[in-house]
C-alpha atoms as a PDB file:
ATOM      1  CA  MET A   1       0.000   0.000   0.000  1.00  0.00           C
ATOM      2  CA  LEU A   2       1.231   3.469  -0.817  1.00  0.00           C
ATOM      3  CA  LYS A   3       2.280   5.340   2.311  1.00  0.00           C
ATOM      4  CA  ALA A   4       4.239   8.362   1.009  1.00  0.00           C
ATOM      5  CA  VAL A   5       4.968  10.507  -2.031  1.00  0.00           C
ATOM      6  CA  ILE A   6       8.472  11.952  -2.367  1.00  0.00           C
ATOM      7  CA  PHE A   7       8.822  15.044  -4.532  1.00  0.00           C
ATOM      8  CA  ASP A   8      11.823  16.474  -6.296  1.00  0.00           C
ATOM      9  CA  ILE A   9      11.617  20.286  -6.270  1.00  0.00           C
ATOM     10  CA  ASP A  10      13.489  22.057  -9.086  1.00  0.00           C
ATOM     11  CA  GLY A  11      11.565  21.634 -12.336  1.00  0.00           C
ATOM     12  CA  THR A  12       8.936  19.543 -10.539  1.00  0.00           C
ATOM     13  CA  LEU A  13       7.302  21.932  -8.076  1.00  0.00           C
ATOM     14  CA  VAL A  14       9.011  25.200  -9.066  1.00  0.00           C
ATOM     15  CA  ASP A  15      10.091  26.643 -12.417  1.00  0.00           C
ATOM     16  CA  SER A  16      13.824  26.955 -11.801  1.00  0.00           C
ATOM     17  CA  VAL A  17      15.720  24.749 -14.275  1.00  0.00           C
ATOM     18  CA  GLU A  18      16.674  27.518 -16.705  1.00  0.00           C
ATOM     19  CA  LEU A  19      17.725  29.786 -13.836  1.00  0.00           C
ATOM     20  CA  HIS A  20      19.982  27.135 -12.334  1.00  0.00           C
ATOM     21  CA  ALA A  21      21.550  26.524 -15.737  1.00  0.00           C
ATOM     22  CA  ARG A  22      22.280  30.218 -16.246  1.00  0.00           C
ATOM     23  CA  ALA A  23      23.783  30.543 -12.766  1.00  0.00           C
ATOM     24  CA  TRP A  24      26.134  27.610 -13.399  1.00  0.00           C
ATOM     25  CA  GLN A  25      27.030  28.978 -16.847  1.00  0.00           C
ATOM     26  CA  GLN A  26      28.010  32.336 -15.364  1.00  0.00           C
ATOM     27  CA  ALA A  27      30.026  30.643 -12.629  1.00  0.00           C
ATOM     28  CA  PHE A  28      31.873  28.587 -15.228  1.00  0.00           C
ATOM     29  CA  GLN A  29      32.681  31.763 -17.165  1.00  0.00           C
ATOM     30  CA  LYS A  30      33.986  33.389 -13.996  1.00  0.00           C
ATOM     31  CA  PHE A  31      36.447  30.528 -13.635  1.00  0.00           C
ATOM     32  CA  GLY A  32      37.598  30.487 -17.234  1.00  0.00           C
ATOM     33  CA  LYS A  33      35.328  28.088 -19.080  1.00  0.00           C
ATOM     34  CA  ASN A  34      32.665  29.039 -21.619  1.00  0.00           C
ATOM     35  CA  VAL A  35      29.961  26.368 -21.764  1.00  0.00           C
ATOM     36  CA  PRO A  36      26.732  26.678 -23.788  1.00  0.00           C
ATOM     37  CA  VAL A  37      23.765  27.010 -21.469  1.00  0.00           C
ATOM     38  CA  GLU A  38      22.095  24.102 -23.275  1.00  0.00           C
ATOM     39  CA  ASP A  39      24.929  21.782 -22.215  1.00  0.00           C
ATOM     40  CA  VAL A  40      24.542  22.898 -18.611  1.00  0.00           C
ATOM     41  CA  ARG A  41      20.760  22.595 -18.697  1.00  0.00           C
ATOM     42  CA  LYS A  42      21.019  18.910 -19.583  1.00  0.00           C
ATOM     43  CA  GLN A  43      22.753  18.299 -16.247  1.00  0.00           C
ATOM     44  CA  ILE A  44      20.349  20.185 -13.987  1.00  0.00           C
ATOM     45  CA  GLY A  45      18.870  17.717 -11.556  1.00  0.00           C
ATOM     46  CA  LYS A  46      22.266  16.463 -10.487  1.00  0.00           C
ATOM     47  CA  GLY A  47      24.108  17.926  -7.525  1.00  0.00           C
ATOM     48  CA  SER A  48      27.425  19.737  -7.936  1.00  0.00           C
ATOM     49  CA  ASP A  49      29.285  16.539  -6.996  1.00  0.00           C
ATOM     50  CA  GLN A  50      27.993  14.888 -10.189  1.00  0.00           C
ATOM     51  CA  LEU A  51      27.759  17.969 -12.424  1.00  0.00           C
ATOM     52  CA  LEU A  52      31.142  19.649 -12.006  1.00  0.00           C
ATOM     53  CA  PRO A  53      33.355  16.670 -12.990  1.00  0.00           C
ATOM     54  CA  LEU A  54      31.682  16.721 -16.415  1.00  0.00           C
ATOM     55  CA  PHE A  55      33.133  20.158 -17.144  1.00  0.00           C
ATOM     56  CA  PHE A  56      36.313  20.407 -15.044  1.00  0.00           C
ATOM     57  CA  SER A  57      39.237  18.116 -14.329  1.00  0.00           C
ATOM     58  CA  ALA A  58      39.937  16.687 -10.900  1.00  0.00           C
ATOM     59  CA  GLU A  59      42.977  18.965 -10.668  1.00  0.00           C
ATOM     60  CA  GLN A  60      40.895  22.047 -11.465  1.00  0.00           C
ATOM     61  CA  LEU A  61      38.242  21.090  -8.937  1.00  0.00           C
ATOM     62  CA  GLU A  62      40.911  20.557  -6.318  1.00  0.00           C
ATOM     63  CA  ARG A  63      42.235  24.071  -6.947  1.00  0.00           C
ATOM     64  CA  PHE A  64      39.035  26.095  -7.198  1.00  0.00           C
ATOM     65  CA  GLY A  65      36.023  23.773  -7.052  1.00  0.00           C
ATOM     66  CA  LYS A  66      34.836  24.904  -3.623  1.00  0.00           C
ATOM     67  CA  GLU A  67      35.332  28.569  -4.500  1.00  0.00           C
ATOM     68  CA  MET A  68      33.352  28.102  -7.715  1.00  0.00           C
ATOM     69  CA  GLU A  69      30.498  26.345  -5.894  1.00  0.00           C
ATOM     70  CA  ASP A  70      30.337  29.130  -3.328  1.00  0.00           C
ATOM     71  CA  TYR A  71      30.341  31.762  -6.082  1.00  0.00           C
ATOM     72  CA  ARG A  72      27.510  30.017  -7.906  1.00  0.00           C
ATOM     73  CA  GLY A  73      25.521  29.608  -4.696  1.00  0.00           C
ATOM     74  CA  ASP A  74      25.782  33.292  -3.852  1.00  0.00           C
ATOM     75  CA  LEU A  75      24.995  34.288  -7.445  1.00  0.00           C
ATOM     76  CA  PHE A  76      21.917  32.086  -7.598  1.00  0.00           C
ATOM     77  CA  LYS A  77      20.606  33.297  -4.249  1.00  0.00           C
ATOM     78  CA  ARG A  78      21.184  36.940  -5.127  1.00  0.00           C
ATOM     79  CA  GLU A  79      20.177  37.180  -8.804  1.00  0.00           C
ATOM     80  CA  PHE A  80      18.249  34.080  -9.851  1.00  0.00           C
ATOM     81  CA  ARG A  81      16.358  32.611  -6.913  1.00  0.00           C
ATOM     82  CA  PRO A  82      14.062  35.646  -6.589  1.00  0.00           C
ATOM     83  CA  GLN A  83      12.927  34.907 -10.172  1.00  0.00           C
ATOM     84  CA  VAL A  84      11.802  31.349  -9.383  1.00  0.00           C
ATOM     85  CA  LYS A  85       8.049  30.862  -9.757  1.00  0.00           C
ATOM     86  CA  PRO A  86       5.998  28.075  -8.183  1.00  0.00           C
ATOM     87  CA  PHE A  87       4.035  25.812 -10.473  1.00  0.00           C
ATOM     88  CA  ALA A  88       0.275  26.066 -10.096  1.00  0.00           C
ATOM     89  CA  ARG A  89      -1.811  24.011  -7.644  1.00  0.00           C
ATOM     90  CA  VAL A  90       1.082  22.414  -5.756  1.00  0.00           C
ATOM     91  CA  ARG A  91      -0.538  23.004  -2.378  1.00  0.00           C
ATOM     92  CA  GLU A  92      -3.794  21.489  -3.627  1.00  0.00           C
ATOM     93  CA  LEU A  93      -1.909  18.425  -4.854  1.00  0.00           C
ATOM     94  CA  LEU A  94      -0.212  17.908  -1.513  1.00  0.00           C
ATOM     95  CA  LEU A  95      -3.511  18.347   0.300  1.00  0.00           C
ATOM     96  CA  ARG A  96      -5.035  15.693  -1.971  1.00  0.00           C
ATOM     97  CA  ILE A  97      -2.225  13.289  -1.097  1.00  0.00           C
ATOM     98  CA  HIS A  98      -2.743  13.926   2.608  1.00  0.00           C
ATOM     99  CA  ALA A  99      -6.462  13.277   2.188  1.00  0.00           C
ATOM    100  CA  ASP A 100      -5.548   9.736   1.134  1.00  0.00           C
ATOM    101  CA  GLY A 101      -3.580   9.276   4.333  1.00  0.00           C
ATOM    102  CA  CYS A 102      -0.165   9.475   2.695  1.00  0.00           C
ATOM    103  CA  LYS A 103       2.821  11.452   3.896  1.00  0.00           C
ATOM    104  CA  VAL A 104       4.749  13.940   1.749  1.00  0.00           C
ATOM    105  CA  ALA A 105       8.517  14.318   1.643  1.00  0.00           C
ATOM    106  CA  LEU A 106      10.918  16.394  -0.437  1.00  0.00           C
ATOM    107  CA  ALA A 107      14.119  15.034  -1.977  1.00  0.00           C
ATOM    108  CA  SER A 108      16.340  17.482  -3.843  1.00  0.00           C
ATOM    109  CA  SER A 109      19.933  17.469  -5.062  1.00  0.00           C
ATOM    110  CA  GLY A 110      19.998  21.131  -4.078  1.00  0.00           C
ATOM    111  CA  GLY A 111      20.892  22.479  -0.668  1.00  0.00           C
ATOM    112  CA  ARG A 112      18.693  22.756   2.391  1.00  0.00           C
ATOM    113  CA  ALA A 113      18.622  26.579   2.255  1.00  0.00           C
ATOM    114  CA  ASP A 114      17.011  26.497  -1.195  1.00  0.00           C
ATOM    115  CA  MET A 115      14.633  23.758  -0.043  1.00  0.00           C
ATOM    116  CA  ASN A 116      13.430  25.873   2.866  1.00  0.00           C
ATOM    117  CA  TYR A 117      13.021  28.875   0.566  1.00  0.00           C
ATOM    118  CA  TYR A 118      10.906  26.850  -1.857  1.00  0.00           C
ATOM    119  CA  LYS A 119       8.704  25.391   0.876  1.00  0.00           C
ATOM    120  CA  HIS A 120       7.839  28.935   1.920  1.00  0.00           C
ATOM    121  CA  LEU A 121       7.377  30.054  -1.700  1.00  0.00           C
ATOM    122  CA  LEU A 122       4.982  27.151  -2.308  1.00  0.00           C
ATOM    123  CA  ASN A 123       3.183  27.650   1.005  1.00  0.00           C
ATOM    124  CA  VAL A 124       3.568  23.953   1.892  1.00  0.00           C
ATOM    125  CA  GLU A 125       5.635  24.120   5.064  1.00  0.00           C
ATOM    126  CA  ASP A 126       2.781  22.539   7.018  1.00  0.00           C
ATOM    127  CA  LEU A 127       2.302  19.748   4.464  1.00  0.00           C
ATOM    128  CA  VAL A 128       5.823  18.320   4.284  1.00  0.00           C
ATOM    129  CA  GLU A 129       6.619  15.670   6.871  1.00  0.00           C
ATOM    130  CA  ASP A 130      10.244  14.970   5.962  1.00  0.00           C
ATOM    131  CA  GLU A 131      12.943  16.085   3.556  1.00  0.00           C
ATOM    132  CA  ALA A 132      16.353  15.092   2.245  1.00  0.00           C
ATOM    133  CA  SER A 133      18.750  17.400   0.391  1.00  0.00           C
ATOM    134  CA  GLY A 134      22.124  17.283  -1.285  1.00  0.00           C
ATOM    135  CA  ASP A 135      23.557  18.609   1.974  1.00  0.00           C
ATOM    136  CA  ASP A 136      22.568  15.387   3.734  1.00  0.00           C
ATOM    137  CA  VAL A 137      24.321  12.809   1.530  1.00  0.00           C
ATOM    138  CA  GLU A 138      27.683  12.166  -0.108  1.00  0.00           C
ATOM    139  CA  ARG A 139      26.304  11.496  -3.590  1.00  0.00           C
ATOM    140  CA  SER A 140      23.465  13.286  -5.360  1.00  0.00           C
ATOM    141  CA  LYS A 141      21.179  12.040  -8.144  1.00  0.00           C
ATOM    142  CA  PRO A 142      21.382   9.920 -10.248  1.00  0.00           C
ATOM    143  CA  HIS A 143      22.719   7.998  -7.233  1.00  0.00           C
ATOM    144  CA  PRO A 144      19.871   6.851  -4.970  1.00  0.00           C
ATOM    145  CA  ASP A 145      21.232   8.312  -1.713  1.00  0.00           C
ATOM    146  CA  ILE A 146      18.804  11.248  -1.442  1.00  0.00           C
ATOM    147  CA  PHE A 147      15.715   9.121  -2.038  1.00  0.00           C
ATOM    148  CA  ALA A 148      17.048   6.455   0.326  1.00  0.00           C
ATOM    149  CA  ASP A 149      17.552   9.105   2.987  1.00  0.00           C
ATOM    150  CA  ALA A 150      13.994  10.349   2.472  1.00  0.00           C
ATOM    151  CA  LEU A 151      12.615   6.819   2.914  1.00  0.00           C
ATOM    152  CA  LYS A 152      14.643   6.423   6.086  1.00  0.00           C
ATOM    153  CA  MET A 153      13.313   9.700   7.472  1.00  0.00           C
ATOM    154  CA  LEU A 154       9.768   8.600   6.635  1.00  0.00           C
ATOM    155  CA  GLY A 155      10.110   5.847   9.213  1.00  0.00           C
ATOM    156  CA  GLY A 156      12.185   3.399   7.233  1.00  0.00           C
ATOM    157  CA  LEU A 157       9.693   2.836   4.425  1.00  0.00           C
ATOM    158  CA  LYS A 158      10.503   0.295   1.715  1.00  0.00           C
ATOM    159  CA  GLY A 159      10.727   1.455  -1.886  1.00  0.00           C
ATOM    160  CA  HIS A 160       7.428  -0.167  -2.887  1.00  0.00           C
ATOM    161  CA  GLU A 161       5.612   1.776  -0.157  1.00  0.00           C
ATOM    162  CA  ALA A 162       6.322   5.153  -1.771  1.00  0.00           C
ATOM    163  CA  ILE A 163       6.336   6.911  -5.133  1.00  0.00           C
ATOM    164  CA  ALA A 164       8.787   9.558  -6.305  1.00  0.00           C
ATOM    165  CA  VAL A 165       7.735  12.486  -8.487  1.00  0.00           C
ATOM    166  CA  GLY A 166      10.441  14.161 -10.558  1.00  0.00           C
ATOM    167  CA  ASP A 167      11.154  15.932 -13.828  1.00  0.00           C
ATOM    168  CA  THR A 168      14.468  14.432 -14.962  1.00  0.00           C
ATOM    169  CA  PRO A 169      15.861  11.036 -15.976  1.00  0.00           C
ATOM    170  CA  TYR A 170      18.192  11.401 -12.980  1.00  0.00           C
ATOM    171  CA  ASP A 171      15.199  11.218 -10.628  1.00  0.00           C
ATOM    172  CA  ALA A 172      13.911   8.038 -12.245  1.00  0.00           C
ATOM    173  CA  LYS A 173      17.315   6.370 -12.415  1.00  0.00           C
ATOM    174  CA  ALA A 174      18.061   7.214  -8.784  1.00  0.00           C
ATOM    175  CA  ALA A 175      14.680   5.990  -7.585  1.00  0.00           C
ATOM    176  CA  ASN A 176      14.731   2.785  -9.621  1.00  0.00           C
ATOM    177  CA  LYS A 177      17.960   1.717  -7.930  1.00  0.00           C
ATOM    178  CA  ILE A 178      16.053   1.323  -4.661  1.00  0.00           C
ATOM    179  CA  HIS A 179      12.842  -0.042  -6.225  1.00  0.00           C
ATOM    180  CA  LEU A 180      11.035   3.272  -5.886  1.00  0.00           C
ATOM    181  CA  ARG A 181       8.578   3.958  -8.709  1.00  0.00           C
ATOM    182  CA  THR A 182       8.716   7.379 -10.358  1.00  0.00           C
ATOM    183  CA  VAL A 183       5.978   9.563 -11.796  1.00  0.00           C
ATOM    184  CA  GLY A 184       7.424  12.029 -14.286  1.00  0.00           C
ATOM    185  CA  ILE A 185       6.659  15.725 -14.770  1.00  0.00           C
ATOM    186  CA  SER A 186       7.603  16.687 -18.315  1.00  0.00           C
ATOM    187  CA  GLY A 187       9.245  20.014 -19.002  1.00  0.00           C
ATOM    188  CA  TYR A 188      12.731  20.245 -20.414  1.00  0.00           C
ATOM    189  CA  TRP A 189      12.820  16.444 -20.855  1.00  0.00           C
ATOM    190  CA  THR A 190      10.297  14.842 -23.188  1.00  0.00           C
ATOM    191  CA  GLU A 191       7.732  12.263 -22.168  1.00  0.00           C
ATOM    192  CA  GLN A 192       9.618   9.552 -24.066  1.00  0.00           C
ATOM    193  CA  GLN A 193      12.947  10.422 -22.439  1.00  0.00           C
ATOM    194  CA  LEU A 194      11.365  10.159 -19.001  1.00  0.00           C
ATOM    195  CA  LEU A 195       9.697   6.843 -19.847  1.00  0.00           C
ATOM    196  CA  ASP A 196      12.978   5.493 -21.200  1.00  0.00           C
ATOM    197  CA  ALA A 197      14.651   6.446 -17.905  1.00  0.00           C
ATOM    198  CA  GLY A 198      12.101   4.410 -15.966  1.00  0.00           C
ATOM    199  CA  CYS A 199       9.124   6.657 -15.149  1.00  0.00           C
ATOM    200  CA  ILE A 200       5.885   4.695 -14.929  1.00  0.00           C
ATOM    201  CA  GLU A 201       3.654   7.541 -16.121  1.00  0.00           C
ATOM    202  CA  ILE A 202       4.029  11.168 -17.190  1.00  0.00           C
ATOM    203  CA  PHE A 203       2.092  14.357 -16.469  1.00  0.00           C
ATOM    204  CA  LYS A 204       2.650  17.839 -17.844  1.00  0.00           C
ATOM    205  CA  SER A 205       2.657  19.629 -14.486  1.00  0.00           C
ATOM    206  CA  PRO A 206       1.587  19.284 -10.852  1.00  0.00           C
ATOM    207  CA  ALA A 207      -1.778  20.725 -11.897  1.00  0.00           C
ATOM    208  CA  ASP A 208      -2.139  18.061 -14.594  1.00  0.00           C
ATOM    209  CA  LEU A 209      -1.309  15.369 -12.031  1.00  0.00           C
ATOM    210  CA  LEU A 210      -3.922  16.786  -9.665  1.00  0.00           C
ATOM    211  CA  GLU A 211      -6.573  16.926 -12.396  1.00  0.00           C
ATOM    212  CA  ASN A 212      -5.896  13.288 -13.302  1.00  0.00           C
ATOM    213  CA  TYR A 213      -5.196  12.114  -9.764  1.00  0.00           C
ATOM    214  CA  GLU A 214      -7.785   9.309  -9.689  1.00  0.00           C
ATOM    215  CA  LYS A 215      -6.209   7.730 -12.785  1.00  0.00           C
ATOM    216  CA  SER A 216      -2.626   8.084 -11.495  1.00  0.00           C
ATOM    217  CA  ALA A 217      -0.450   5.734  -9.488  1.00  0.00           C
ATOM    218  CA  LEU A 218      -0.843   8.095  -6.521  1.00  0.00           C
ATOM    219  CA  ALA A 219      -4.460   6.970  -6.132  1.00  0.00           C
ATOM    220  CA  GLU A 220      -3.617   3.321  -5.536  1.00  0.00           C
ATOM    221  CA  THR A 221      -4.449   3.594  -1.821  1.00  0.00           C
ATOM    222  CA  GLU A 222      -7.953   4.650  -2.785  1.00  0.00           C
ATOM    223  CA  VAL A 223      -8.288   1.695  -5.156  1.00  0.00           C
ATOM    224  CA  GLU A 224      -7.031  -0.799  -2.591  1.00  0.00           C
ATOM    225  CA  GLU A 225      -9.414   0.495   0.062  1.00  0.00           C
ATOM    226  CA  LYS A 226     -12.377   0.128  -2.307  1.00  0.00           C
ATOM    227  CA  GLU A 227     -11.323  -3.423  -3.241  1.00  0.00           C
ATOM    228  CA  GLU A 228     -10.958  -4.384   0.409  1.00  0.00           C
ATOM    229  CA  GLY A 229     -14.385  -2.938   1.180  1.00  0.00           C
ATOM    230  CA  ALA A 230     -15.969  -4.889  -1.689  1.00  0.00           C
ATOM    231  CA  ALA A 231     -14.403  -8.104  -0.431  1.00  0.00           C
END
């Protein structure tokens, strides 16, 4: 039986993917590397531990990796984070999940400061039971550590007792490694790309998921309860 839904944040609940990509691109330029924003955008969803080695050597990261991360973090907070917009009907979606008796958790490759900012922006601070961020684990998505940490914080749930909701192949690949099913939110990545990565179904937005909730995997608790009642 489904007991919890674990949400990614960036690109899933808030419109921030392009802003993250531009912040990283400007940070790369600051440290001597010009990278097309499209190439950076493809990696959003990973944490810096997985993203930076794709563009810089181990020797470069040893010399200025931490300084570059700090620069990007300050830049994003100052210039880009205020531009982030919440997707519509997120609070309603979380309320619907709670109505089914399920818990809600957040699991983001980003840092805890951004997570707290987004919870306030979305007005869901009272609807999130647990959360796991890139600050809490050694390896970010597509490694499963963040989702595994979220399951642990939810009382040690097994993968089959929860569903992840995310917008990138990295969410699906991370979740699948611990037998956690993933519902995809399409945006930058196409429906087919998300299905190929392992998502079990795709919706266009949180609002689309809410509007089609009864037909989604999130409604399985409702189905099971009706079947048990009929028996």
